[in-house]
Amino acid sequence: MIMNKVFIAFRKIFTDVKIWLGRAQSYIAIINAGMIMFLFLDKFKEFGWDLELTKWFIPIFIGSMLVMTFVGYLDGALGFFREEQKLKADKNPYFVKIMREVRKVNERLDEMEKKK
């Protein structure tokens, strides 16, 4: 019984940490995109482009973040996010269980309506 309580407490803490790490990944991805962009822009020197990274990095980085934000907006506006969430919900065991119970309740209500 004590082991069960310990496991439940561990599971709660573990899942909270996983959620926090998942949220942190999006911020890490932004930093990672900046580092990759810096390396990519630095390679232009090999092709003869005289690009002052210290002068142009921040404006180019902000511009790329704005473009990515616009792509994210389009993702939602065109319905891709909604469809993705619908598919995730269909595979969520808790959602499936809730929907099964809702269907049972609706069937009972329909039966009650027919008896009237």
C-alpha atoms as a PDB file:
ATOM      1  CA  MET A   1       0.000   0.000   0.000  1.00  0.00           C
ATOM      2  CA  ILE A   2       2.837   2.394   0.881  1.00  0.00           C
ATOM      3  CA  MET A   3       4.645   1.457  -2.349  1.00  0.00           C
ATOM      4  CA  ASN A   4       1.474   2.271  -4.283  1.00  0.00           C
ATOM      5  CA  LYS A   5       1.307   5.756  -2.706  1.00  0.00           C
ATOM      6  CA  VAL A   6       5.003   6.288  -3.384  1.00  0.00           C
ATOM      7  CA  PHE A   7       4.540   5.238  -7.008  1.00  0.00           C
ATOM      8  CA  ILE A   8       1.548   7.557  -7.461  1.00  0.00           C
ATOM      9  CA  ALA A   9       3.521  10.477  -6.002  1.00  0.00           C
ATOM     10  CA  PHE A  10       6.520   9.647  -8.197  1.00  0.00           C
ATOM     11  CA  ARG A  11       4.301   9.368 -11.282  1.00  0.00           C
ATOM     12  CA  LYS A  12       2.753  12.780 -10.607  1.00  0.00           C
ATOM     13  CA  ILE A  13       6.144  14.452 -10.151  1.00  0.00           C
ATOM     14  CA  PHE A  14       7.583  12.644 -13.174  1.00  0.00           C
ATOM     15  CA  THR A  15       4.706  13.650 -15.464  1.00  0.00           C
ATOM     16  CA  ASP A  16       4.869  17.264 -14.250  1.00  0.00           C
ATOM     17  CA  VAL A  17       8.588  17.356 -15.041  1.00  0.00           C
ATOM     18  CA  LYS A  18       7.948  15.850 -18.491  1.00  0.00           C
ATOM     19  CA  ILE A  19       5.382  18.575 -19.211  1.00  0.00           C
ATOM     20  CA  TRP A  20       7.775  21.300 -18.053  1.00  0.00           C
ATOM     21  CA  LEU A  21      10.581  19.849 -20.186  1.00  0.00           C
ATOM     22  CA  GLY A  22       8.242  19.707 -23.168  1.00  0.00           C
ATOM     23  CA  ARG A  23       7.410  23.372 -22.699  1.00  0.00           C
ATOM     24  CA  ALA A  24      11.090  24.234 -22.322  1.00  0.00           C
ATOM     25  CA  GLN A  25      11.879  22.460 -25.591  1.00  0.00           C
ATOM     26  CA  SER A  26      10.057  25.120 -27.582  1.00  0.00           C
ATOM     27  CA  TYR A  27      12.259  27.828 -26.076  1.00  0.00           C
ATOM     28  CA  ILE A  28      15.370  25.729 -26.616  1.00  0.00           C
ATOM     29  CA  ALA A  29      14.304  25.278 -30.250  1.00  0.00           C
ATOM     30  CA  ILE A  30      14.222  29.062 -30.709  1.00  0.00           C
ATOM     31  CA  ILE A  31      17.746  29.387 -29.298  1.00  0.00           C
ATOM     32  CA  ASN A  32      18.886  26.434 -31.409  1.00  0.00           C
ATOM     33  CA  ALA A  33      17.428  28.051 -34.542  1.00  0.00           C
ATOM     34  CA  GLY A  34      19.438  31.181 -33.777  1.00  0.00           C
ATOM     35  CA  MET A  35      22.647  29.205 -33.359  1.00  0.00           C
ATOM     36  CA  ILE A  36      22.090  27.288 -36.597  1.00  0.00           C
ATOM     37  CA  MET A  37      21.291  30.530 -38.412  1.00  0.00           C
ATOM     38  CA  PHE A  38      24.505  32.072 -37.060  1.00  0.00           C
ATOM     39  CA  LEU A  39      26.549  29.149 -38.408  1.00  0.00           C
ATOM     40  CA  PHE A  40      24.693  29.270 -41.722  1.00  0.00           C
ATOM     41  CA  LEU A  41      25.262  33.012 -42.142  1.00  0.00           C
ATOM     42  CA  ASP A  42      28.907  32.594 -41.199  1.00  0.00           C
ATOM     43  CA  LYS A  43      29.333  30.178 -44.133  1.00  0.00           C
ATOM     44  CA  PHE A  44      28.469  33.003 -46.571  1.00  0.00           C
ATOM     45  CA  LYS A  45      31.992  34.353 -46.031  1.00  0.00           C
ATOM     46  CA  GLU A  46      33.319  31.313 -47.915  1.00  0.00           C
ATOM     47  CA  PHE A  47      31.284  32.380 -50.963  1.00  0.00           C
ATOM     48  CA  GLY A  48      32.569  35.937 -50.945  1.00  0.00           C
ATOM     49  CA  TRP A  49      29.647  37.603 -49.177  1.00  0.00           C
ATOM     50  CA  ASP A  50      30.923  40.222 -46.779  1.00  0.00           C
ATOM     51  CA  LEU A  51      28.170  39.941 -44.151  1.00  0.00           C
ATOM     52  CA  GLU A  52      28.818  41.607 -40.809  1.00  0.00           C
ATOM     53  CA  LEU A  53      27.248  39.081 -38.449  1.00  0.00           C
ATOM     54  CA  THR A  54      27.451  41.354 -35.418  1.00  0.00           C
ATOM     55  CA  LYS A  55      25.473  43.993 -37.314  1.00  0.00           C
ATOM     56  CA  TRP A  56      22.881  41.821 -39.091  1.00  0.00           C
ATOM     57  CA  PHE A  57      22.351  38.784 -36.868  1.00  0.00           C
ATOM     58  CA  ILE A  58      19.680  40.278 -34.574  1.00  0.00           C
ATOM     59  CA  PRO A  59      17.549  41.804 -37.386  1.00  0.00           C
ATOM     60  CA  ILE A  60      17.752  38.595 -39.449  1.00  0.00           C
ATOM     61  CA  PHE A  61      16.935  36.503 -36.363  1.00  0.00           C
ATOM     62  CA  ILE A  62      13.913  38.675 -35.514  1.00  0.00           C
ATOM     63  CA  GLY A  63      12.791  38.518 -39.146  1.00  0.00           C
ATOM     64  CA  SER A  64      13.048  34.749 -39.193  1.00  0.00           C
ATOM     65  CA  MET A  65      11.074  34.532 -35.926  1.00  0.00           C
ATOM     66  CA  LEU A  66       8.356  36.705 -37.497  1.00  0.00           C
ATOM     67  CA  VAL A  67       8.242  34.425 -40.553  1.00  0.00           C
ATOM     68  CA  MET A  68       7.992  31.341 -38.315  1.00  0.00           C
ATOM     69  CA  THR A  69       5.234  33.033 -36.306  1.00  0.00           C
ATOM     70  CA  PHE A  70       3.326  33.752 -39.518  1.00  0.00           C
ATOM     71  CA  VAL A  71       3.718  30.112 -40.591  1.00  0.00           C
ATOM     72  CA  GLY A  72       2.371  29.074 -37.177  1.00  0.00           C
ATOM     73  CA  TYR A  73      -0.580  31.438 -37.656  1.00  0.00           C
ATOM     74  CA  LEU A  74      -1.302  29.920 -41.067  1.00  0.00           C
ATOM     75  CA  ASP A  75      -1.120  26.457 -39.512  1.00  0.00           C
ATOM     76  CA  GLY A  76      -4.003  27.420 -37.239  1.00  0.00           C
ATOM     77  CA  ALA A  77      -5.908  29.533 -39.759  1.00  0.00           C
ATOM     78  CA  LEU A  78      -5.885  26.792 -42.413  1.00  0.00           C
ATOM     79  CA  GLY A  79      -7.128  24.200 -39.918  1.00  0.00           C
ATOM     80  CA  PHE A  80      -4.034  21.988 -39.696  1.00  0.00           C
ATOM     81  CA  PHE A  81      -3.704  22.509 -35.920  1.00  0.00           C
ATOM     82  CA  ARG A  82      -7.388  21.734 -35.361  1.00  0.00           C
ATOM     83  CA  GLU A  83      -7.120  18.513 -37.389  1.00  0.00           C
ATOM     84  CA  GLU A  84      -3.951  17.491 -35.546  1.00  0.00           C
ATOM     85  CA  GLN A  85      -5.609  18.023 -32.168  1.00  0.00           C
ATOM     86  CA  LYS A  86      -8.645  16.030 -33.294  1.00  0.00           C
ATOM     87  CA  LEU A  87      -6.445  13.091 -34.270  1.00  0.00           C
ATOM     88  CA  LYS A  88      -4.545  13.311 -30.970  1.00  0.00           C
ATOM     89  CA  ALA A  89      -7.813  13.322 -29.035  1.00  0.00           C
ATOM     90  CA  ASP A  90      -9.061  10.266 -30.941  1.00  0.00           C
ATOM     91  CA  LYS A  91      -5.975   8.374 -29.756  1.00  0.00           C
ATOM     92  CA  ASN A  92      -6.201   9.619 -26.159  1.00  0.00           C
ATOM     93  CA  PRO A  93      -7.475   6.728 -23.971  1.00  0.00           C
ATOM     94  CA  TYR A  94      -9.177   9.078 -21.501  1.00  0.00           C
ATOM     95  CA  PHE A  95     -11.015  10.907 -24.263  1.00  0.00           C
ATOM     96  CA  VAL A  96     -12.076   7.591 -25.824  1.00  0.00           C
ATOM     97  CA  LYS A  97     -13.416   6.427 -22.434  1.00  0.00           C
ATOM     98  CA  ILE A  98     -15.317   9.685 -21.898  1.00  0.00           C
ATOM     99  CA  MET A  99     -16.844   9.505 -25.380  1.00  0.00           C
ATOM    100  CA  ARG A 100     -17.909   5.889 -24.776  1.00  0.00           C
ATOM    101  CA  GLU A 101     -19.675   6.970 -21.575  1.00  0.00           C
ATOM    102  CA  VAL A 102     -21.328   9.924 -23.324  1.00  0.00           C
ATOM    103  CA  ARG A 103     -22.645   7.572 -26.020  1.00  0.00           C
ATOM    104  CA  LYS A 104     -24.081   5.279 -23.331  1.00  0.00           C
ATOM    105  CA  VAL A 105     -25.831   8.215 -21.658  1.00  0.00           C
ATOM    106  CA  ASN A 106     -27.220   9.375 -25.002  1.00  0.00           C
ATOM    107  CA  GLU A 107     -28.504   5.879 -25.745  1.00  0.00           C
ATOM    108  CA  ARG A 108     -30.241   5.772 -22.359  1.00  0.00           C
ATOM    109  CA  LEU A 109     -31.778   9.189 -22.961  1.00  0.00           C
ATOM    110  CA  ASP A 110     -33.001   8.056 -26.386  1.00  0.00           C
ATOM    111  CA  GLU A 111     -34.567   4.962 -24.808  1.00  0.00           C
ATOM    112  CA  MET A 112     -36.276   7.128 -22.188  1.00  0.00           C
ATOM    113  CA  GLU A 113     -37.634   9.449 -24.912  1.00  0.00           C
ATOM    114  CA  LYS A 114     -39.044   6.477 -26.836  1.00  0.00           C
ATOM    115  CA  LYS A 115     -40.853   5.210 -23.724  1.00  0.00           C
ATOM    116  CA  LYS A 116     -42.721   8.488 -23.315  1.00  0.00           C
END
